[in-house]
C-alpha atoms as a PDB file:
ATOM      1  CA  MET A   1       0.000   0.000   0.000  1.00  0.00           C
ATOM      2  CA  LYS A   2       1.378   3.389  -1.027  1.00  0.00           C
ATOM      3  CA  PRO A   3       1.628   6.179   1.571  1.00  0.00           C
ATOM      4  CA  PRO A   4      -1.096   8.879   1.228  1.00  0.00           C
ATOM      5  CA  ASP A   5       1.525  11.513   0.387  1.00  0.00           C
ATOM      6  CA  GLU A   6       2.714   9.490  -2.600  1.00  0.00           C
ATOM      7  CA  LEU A   7      -0.832   9.048  -3.911  1.00  0.00           C
ATOM      8  CA  ARG A   8      -1.433  12.788  -3.507  1.00  0.00           C
ATOM      9  CA  ARG A   9       1.786  13.541  -5.393  1.00  0.00           C
ATOM     10  CA  ARG A  10       0.907  11.160  -8.235  1.00  0.00           C
ATOM     11  CA  LYS A  11      -2.525  12.785  -8.565  1.00  0.00           C
ATOM     12  CA  ALA A  12      -0.895  16.245  -8.613  1.00  0.00           C
ATOM     13  CA  LEU A  13       1.574  15.046 -11.258  1.00  0.00           C
ATOM     14  CA  TYR A  14      -1.249  13.619 -13.372  1.00  0.00           C
ATOM     15  CA  LYS A  15      -3.147  16.933 -13.175  1.00  0.00           C
ATOM     16  CA  LEU A  16      -0.051  18.891 -14.175  1.00  0.00           C
ATOM     17  CA  ILE A  17       0.710  16.672 -17.159  1.00  0.00           C
ATOM     18  CA  ILE A  18      -2.887  16.809 -18.418  1.00  0.00           C
ATOM     19  CA  ALA A  19      -2.911  20.599 -17.865  1.00  0.00           C
ATOM     20  CA  GLN A  20       0.327  20.919 -19.813  1.00  0.00           C
ATOM     21  CA  SER A  21      -1.236  19.007 -22.708  1.00  0.00           C
ATOM     22  CA  ASP A  22      -4.325  21.249 -22.694  1.00  0.00           C
ATOM     23  CA  ILE A  23      -2.361  24.491 -22.517  1.00  0.00           C
ATOM     24  CA  LEU A  24       0.022  23.284 -25.218  1.00  0.00           C
ATOM     25  CA  ALA A  25      -3.044  22.701 -27.431  1.00  0.00           C
ATOM     26  CA  ALA A  26      -4.190  26.279 -26.692  1.00  0.00           C
ATOM     27  CA  TYR A  27      -0.694  27.562 -27.484  1.00  0.00           C
ATOM     28  CA  THR A  28      -0.613  25.654 -30.789  1.00  0.00           C
ATOM     29  CA  ALA A  29      -4.072  26.926 -31.804  1.00  0.00           C
ATOM     30  CA  CYS A  30      -3.082  30.466 -30.817  1.00  0.00           C
ATOM     31  CA  ASP A  31       0.126  30.207 -32.832  1.00  0.00           C
ATOM     32  CA  PHE A  32      -1.915  29.104 -35.868  1.00  0.00           C
ATOM     33  CA  PHE A  33      -4.393  31.941 -35.213  1.00  0.00           C
ATOM     34  CA  LEU A  34      -1.635  34.573 -35.146  1.00  0.00           C
ATOM     35  CA  LYS A  35      -0.101  33.272 -38.374  1.00  0.00           C
ATOM     36  CA  ASN A  36      -3.382  33.036 -40.298  1.00  0.00           C
ATOM     37  CA  ILE A  37      -6.063  35.397 -38.974  1.00  0.00           C
ATOM     38  CA  ASN A  38      -5.873  39.043 -40.034  1.00  0.00           C
ATOM     39  CA  SER A  39      -9.448  40.162 -39.482  1.00  0.00           C
ATOM     40  CA  LEU A  40     -12.212  39.790 -36.911  1.00  0.00           C
ATOM     41  CA  ARG A  41     -14.451  38.891 -39.867  1.00  0.00           C
ATOM     42  CA  ASP A  42     -12.354  35.875 -40.865  1.00  0.00           C
ATOM     43  CA  ALA A  43     -14.643  32.837 -40.706  1.00  0.00           C
ATOM     44  CA  ARG A  44     -11.903  30.928 -38.871  1.00  0.00           C
ATOM     45  CA  TYR A  45     -11.746  33.456 -36.005  1.00  0.00           C
ATOM     46  CA  GLU A  46     -14.624  31.988 -33.996  1.00  0.00           C
ATOM     47  CA  PRO A  47     -13.731  28.282 -34.163  1.00  0.00           C
ATOM     48  CA  LEU A  48     -10.060  28.962 -33.473  1.00  0.00           C
ATOM     49  CA  PHE A  49     -10.850  31.266 -30.570  1.00  0.00           C
ATOM     50  CA  SER A  50     -13.225  28.632 -29.174  1.00  0.00           C
ATOM     51  CA  ALA A  51     -10.493  25.998 -29.362  1.00  0.00           C
ATOM     52  CA  ILE A  52      -8.020  28.330 -27.658  1.00  0.00           C
ATOM     53  CA  ALA A  53     -10.398  29.256 -24.840  1.00  0.00           C
ATOM     54  CA  ILE A  54     -11.644  25.717 -24.221  1.00  0.00           C
ATOM     55  CA  CYS A  55      -8.204  24.113 -24.203  1.00  0.00           C
ATOM     56  CA  TYR A  56      -6.708  26.795 -21.969  1.00  0.00           C
ATOM     57  CA  ALA A  57      -9.599  26.795 -19.505  1.00  0.00           C
ATOM     58  CA  ARG A  58      -9.836  23.005 -19.022  1.00  0.00           C
ATOM     59  CA  PRO A  59      -7.304  22.848 -16.158  1.00  0.00           C
ATOM     60  CA  PHE A  60      -8.943  25.809 -14.401  1.00  0.00           C
ATOM     61  CA  VAL A  61     -12.565  24.618 -14.348  1.00  0.00           C
ATOM     62  CA  ASP A  62     -14.162  21.800 -12.409  1.00  0.00           C
ATOM     63  CA  ASN A  63     -14.099  18.369 -13.983  1.00  0.00           C
ATOM     64  CA  LYS A  64     -15.237  14.939 -12.862  1.00  0.00           C
ATOM     65  CA  SER A  65     -12.022  12.978 -12.781  1.00  0.00           C
ATOM     66  CA  LEU A  66      -9.157  14.981 -11.298  1.00  0.00           C
ATOM     67  CA  GLY A  67     -10.590  18.350 -10.398  1.00  0.00           C
ATOM     68  CA  ARG A  68      -9.127  21.695 -11.265  1.00  0.00           C
ATOM     69  CA  LEU A  69      -5.587  22.861 -10.702  1.00  0.00           C
ATOM     70  CA  PRO A  70      -4.975  24.495  -7.320  1.00  0.00           C
ATOM     71  CA  GLY A  71      -5.715  28.231  -7.152  1.00  0.00           C
ATOM     72  CA  CYS A  72      -2.021  29.159  -7.135  1.00  0.00           C
ATOM     73  CA  TRP A  73      -1.932  28.385 -10.865  1.00  0.00           C
ATOM     74  CA  GLU A  74      -4.418  31.201 -11.506  1.00  0.00           C
ATOM     75  CA  LYS A  75      -2.276  33.872  -9.851  1.00  0.00           C
ATOM     76  CA  PHE A  76       0.199  35.871 -11.898  1.00  0.00           C
ATOM     77  CA  GLY A  77       2.704  38.468 -10.718  1.00  0.00           C
ATOM     78  CA  ASN A  78       2.417  40.231 -14.076  1.00  0.00           C
ATOM     79  CA  LYS A  79      -0.790  42.294 -14.396  1.00  0.00           C
ATOM     80  CA  GLN A  80      -0.985  41.812 -18.175  1.00  0.00           C
ATOM     81  CA  LEU A  81      -0.778  38.027 -17.823  1.00  0.00           C
ATOM     82  CA  GLN A  82      -3.354  38.088 -15.020  1.00  0.00           C
ATOM     83  CA  LYS A  83      -5.743  40.096 -17.186  1.00  0.00           C
ATOM     84  CA  ALA A  84      -5.193  37.758 -20.155  1.00  0.00           C
ATOM     85  CA  HIS A  85      -5.935  34.741 -17.937  1.00  0.00           C
ATOM     86  CA  ASP A  86      -9.032  36.334 -16.381  1.00  0.00           C
ATOM     87  CA  ASP A  87     -10.394  37.561 -19.728  1.00  0.00           C
ATOM     88  CA  LEU A  88      -9.883  34.206 -21.411  1.00  0.00           C
ATOM     89  CA  LEU A  89     -11.697  32.307 -18.660  1.00  0.00           C
ATOM     90  CA  LYS A  90     -14.486  34.887 -18.608  1.00  0.00           C
ATOM     91  CA  ALA A  91     -14.925  34.574 -22.385  1.00  0.00           C
ATOM     92  CA  ARG A  92     -14.975  30.784 -22.063  1.00  0.00           C
ATOM     93  CA  HIS A  93     -17.827  31.045 -19.554  1.00  0.00           C
ATOM     94  CA  GLU A  94     -19.795  33.759 -21.389  1.00  0.00           C
ATOM     95  CA  VAL A  95     -19.478  33.087 -25.108  1.00  0.00           C
ATOM     96  CA  VAL A  96     -17.583  29.866 -25.802  1.00  0.00           C
ATOM     97  CA  ALA A  97     -18.727  27.026 -23.538  1.00  0.00           C
ATOM     98  CA  HIS A  98     -21.978  28.717 -22.550  1.00  0.00           C
ATOM     99  CA  SER A  99     -24.277  31.308 -24.088  1.00  0.00           C
ATOM    100  CA  ASP A 100     -24.815  34.090 -21.595  1.00  0.00           C
ATOM    101  CA  MET A 101     -27.962  35.913 -22.769  1.00  0.00           C
ATOM    102  CA  LYS A 102     -26.632  39.190 -21.351  1.00  0.00           C
ATOM    103  CA  ILE A 103     -23.595  38.870 -23.613  1.00  0.00           C
ATOM    104  CA  ARG A 104     -24.859  36.987 -26.696  1.00  0.00           C
ATOM    105  CA  LYS A 105     -27.855  39.094 -27.722  1.00  0.00           C
ATOM    106  CA  VAL A 106     -30.025  38.328 -30.731  1.00  0.00           C
ATOM    107  CA  MET A 107     -30.594  41.340 -32.968  1.00  0.00           C
ATOM    108  CA  PHE A 108     -33.465  41.079 -35.503  1.00  0.00           C
ATOM    109  CA  LEU A 109     -33.316  42.782 -38.864  1.00  0.00           C
ATOM    110  CA  PRO A 110     -36.693  43.385 -40.538  1.00  0.00           C
ATOM    111  CA  PRO A 111     -36.757  43.152 -44.333  1.00  0.00           C
ATOM    112  CA  GLY A 112     -34.982  46.132 -45.904  1.00  0.00           C
ATOM    113  CA  VAL A 113     -32.965  47.048 -42.778  1.00  0.00           C
ATOM    114  CA  THR A 114     -29.204  46.637 -42.747  1.00  0.00           C
ATOM    115  CA  LEU A 115     -26.756  46.411 -39.877  1.00  0.00           C
ATOM    116  CA  ALA A 116     -22.976  45.995 -39.989  1.00  0.00           C
ATOM    117  CA  PRO A 117     -21.293  43.788 -41.070  1.00  0.00           C
ATOM    118  CA  LEU A 118     -24.046  43.156 -43.646  1.00  0.00           C
ATOM    119  CA  GLU A 119     -23.527  45.193 -46.785  1.00  0.00           C
ATOM    120  CA  THR A 120     -26.970  44.787 -48.304  1.00  0.00           C
ATOM    121  CA  ALA A 121     -30.360  44.875 -46.648  1.00  0.00           C
ATOM    122  CA  PRO A 122     -32.034  41.468 -46.453  1.00  0.00           C
ATOM    123  CA  ASP A 123     -35.293  40.949 -48.373  1.00  0.00           C
ATOM    124  CA  LYS A 124     -36.665  38.761 -45.569  1.00  0.00           C
ATOM    125  CA  TRP A 125     -36.342  38.642 -41.797  1.00  0.00           C
ATOM    126  CA  ALA A 126     -32.754  38.163 -40.655  1.00  0.00           C
ATOM    127  CA  TRP A 127     -30.895  38.185 -37.387  1.00  0.00           C
ATOM    128  CA  GLN A 128     -27.434  38.368 -36.017  1.00  0.00           C
ATOM    129  CA  ILE A 129     -25.924  37.634 -32.665  1.00  0.00           C
ATOM    130  CA  GLU A 130     -24.247  40.513 -30.887  1.00  0.00           C
ATOM    131  CA  THR A 131     -21.283  39.486 -28.770  1.00  0.00           C
ATOM    132  CA  TYR A 132     -17.744  40.566 -28.165  1.00  0.00           C
ATOM    133  CA  ARG A 133     -14.530  39.524 -29.819  1.00  0.00           C
ATOM    134  CA  PHE A 134     -10.989  40.198 -28.775  1.00  0.00           C
ATOM    135  CA  PRO A 135      -8.898  42.285 -31.141  1.00  0.00           C
ATOM    136  CA  ILE A 136      -6.150  40.283 -32.810  1.00  0.00           C
ATOM    137  CA  ARG A 137      -3.462  42.045 -30.755  1.00  0.00           C
ATOM    138  CA  ARG A 138      -4.884  40.381 -27.601  1.00  0.00           C
ATOM    139  CA  PHE A 139      -3.896  36.976 -28.982  1.00  0.00           C
ATOM    140  CA  TYR A 140      -0.239  37.980 -28.571  1.00  0.00           C
ATOM    141  CA  GLU A 141      -1.009  38.448 -24.869  1.00  0.00           C
ATOM    142  CA  PHE A 142      -2.738  35.059 -24.735  1.00  0.00           C
ATOM    143  CA  HIS A 143       0.296  33.536 -26.452  1.00  0.00           C
ATOM    144  CA  ALA A 144       2.615  35.057 -23.810  1.00  0.00           C
ATOM    145  CA  LEU A 145       0.285  33.743 -21.089  1.00  0.00           C
ATOM    146  CA  PHE A 146       0.510  30.212 -22.462  1.00  0.00           C
ATOM    147  CA  VAL A 147       4.319  30.396 -22.610  1.00  0.00           C
ATOM    148  CA  ASP A 148       4.452  31.541 -18.977  1.00  0.00           C
ATOM    149  CA  VAL A 149       2.124  28.815 -17.716  1.00  0.00           C
ATOM    150  CA  LEU A 150       3.847  26.121 -19.774  1.00  0.00           C
ATOM    151  CA  HIS A 151       7.243  27.029 -18.277  1.00  0.00           C
ATOM    152  CA  ARG A 152       5.847  26.990 -14.743  1.00  0.00           C
ATOM    153  CA  ILE A 153       4.075  23.675 -15.290  1.00  0.00           C
ATOM    154  CA  GLU A 154       7.178  22.046 -16.788  1.00  0.00           C
ATOM    155  CA  ASP A 155       9.208  23.070 -13.721  1.00  0.00           C
ATOM    156  CA  ALA A 156       6.501  21.702 -11.396  1.00  0.00           C
ATOM    157  CA  ILE A 157       6.301  18.409 -13.341  1.00  0.00           C
ATOM    158  CA  GLN A 158      10.059  17.919 -13.145  1.00  0.00           C
ATOM    159  CA  ALA A 159      10.030  18.644  -9.402  1.00  0.00           C
ATOM    160  CA  GLU A 160       7.221  16.125  -8.816  1.00  0.00           C
ATOM    161  CA  LEU A 161       9.021  13.482 -10.875  1.00  0.00           C
ATOM    162  CA  VAL A 162      12.159  13.888  -8.771  1.00  0.00           C
ATOM    163  CA  ALA A 163      10.125  13.819  -5.553  1.00  0.00           C
ATOM    164  CA  LEU A 164       8.304  10.645  -6.591  1.00  0.00           C
ATOM    165  CA  TYR A 165      10.971   8.684  -8.421  1.00  0.00           C
ATOM    166  CA  GLY A 166      14.271  10.229  -7.368  1.00  0.00           C
ATOM    167  CA  LYS A 167      17.083  11.302  -9.597  1.00  0.00           C
ATOM    168  CA  GLU A 168      17.717   7.771 -10.862  1.00  0.00           C
ATOM    169  CA  SER A 169      15.618   6.993 -13.918  1.00  0.00           C
ATOM    170  CA  PRO A 170      13.697   3.708 -14.032  1.00  0.00           C
ATOM    171  CA  SER A 171      15.060   1.225 -16.565  1.00  0.00           C
ATOM    172  CA  SER A 172      11.819   0.976 -18.569  1.00  0.00           C
ATOM    173  CA  ALA A 173       8.710   2.929 -19.476  1.00  0.00           C
ATOM    174  CA  PHE A 174       5.766   2.755 -17.082  1.00  0.00           C
ATOM    175  CA  GLN A 175       2.259   4.145 -16.808  1.00  0.00           C
ATOM    176  CA  LEU A 176       1.399   6.687 -14.134  1.00  0.00           C
ATOM    177  CA  SER A 177      -1.222   5.049 -11.957  1.00  0.00           C
ATOM    178  CA  LEU A 178      -3.476   6.654  -9.413  1.00  0.00           C
ATOM    179  CA  SER A 179      -4.467   3.351  -7.839  1.00  0.00           C
ATOM    180  CA  ASP A 180      -3.139   2.342  -4.463  1.00  0.00           C
ATOM    181  CA  GLY A 181      -1.512  -0.841  -5.674  1.00  0.00           C
ATOM    182  CA  ALA A 182       0.769   0.551  -8.375  1.00  0.00           C
END
């Protein structure tokens, strides 16, 4: 039977590794976004932003298996990084993973009435959803946020590995188990 501290450490390590994977996915999507999106009207803006927000937020929201990362991971000494983190999670809650009616408002357009970004007035009833989007420059801040968190997580993973398994590497690959017997 493993000591409780070791089981706690293995669970913490598992959370960190899964979080690293999620944030790396957000980083990769953000990198693609910055290389390919030049306009808020680009049809790829919304799905890419959704992927970025969902992947980044996963470690910071409740989940059934491991739970969220401890609150210390949501604290940043840099105000710009803190704002990027807070804004990204807020957007995930309001417009990406949920549809907050106070934020995503339906605007009806009667026949003959136009509203930006439409260029011609519709000949039948139309509608559009009003919401907010981040300007493209904000994605550079998100990118910097992901780099910061990824560096911190990598350091924490390495520290947990040394604490659990020592400085001597095992002689073969093995699966991280959260059960008491492994």
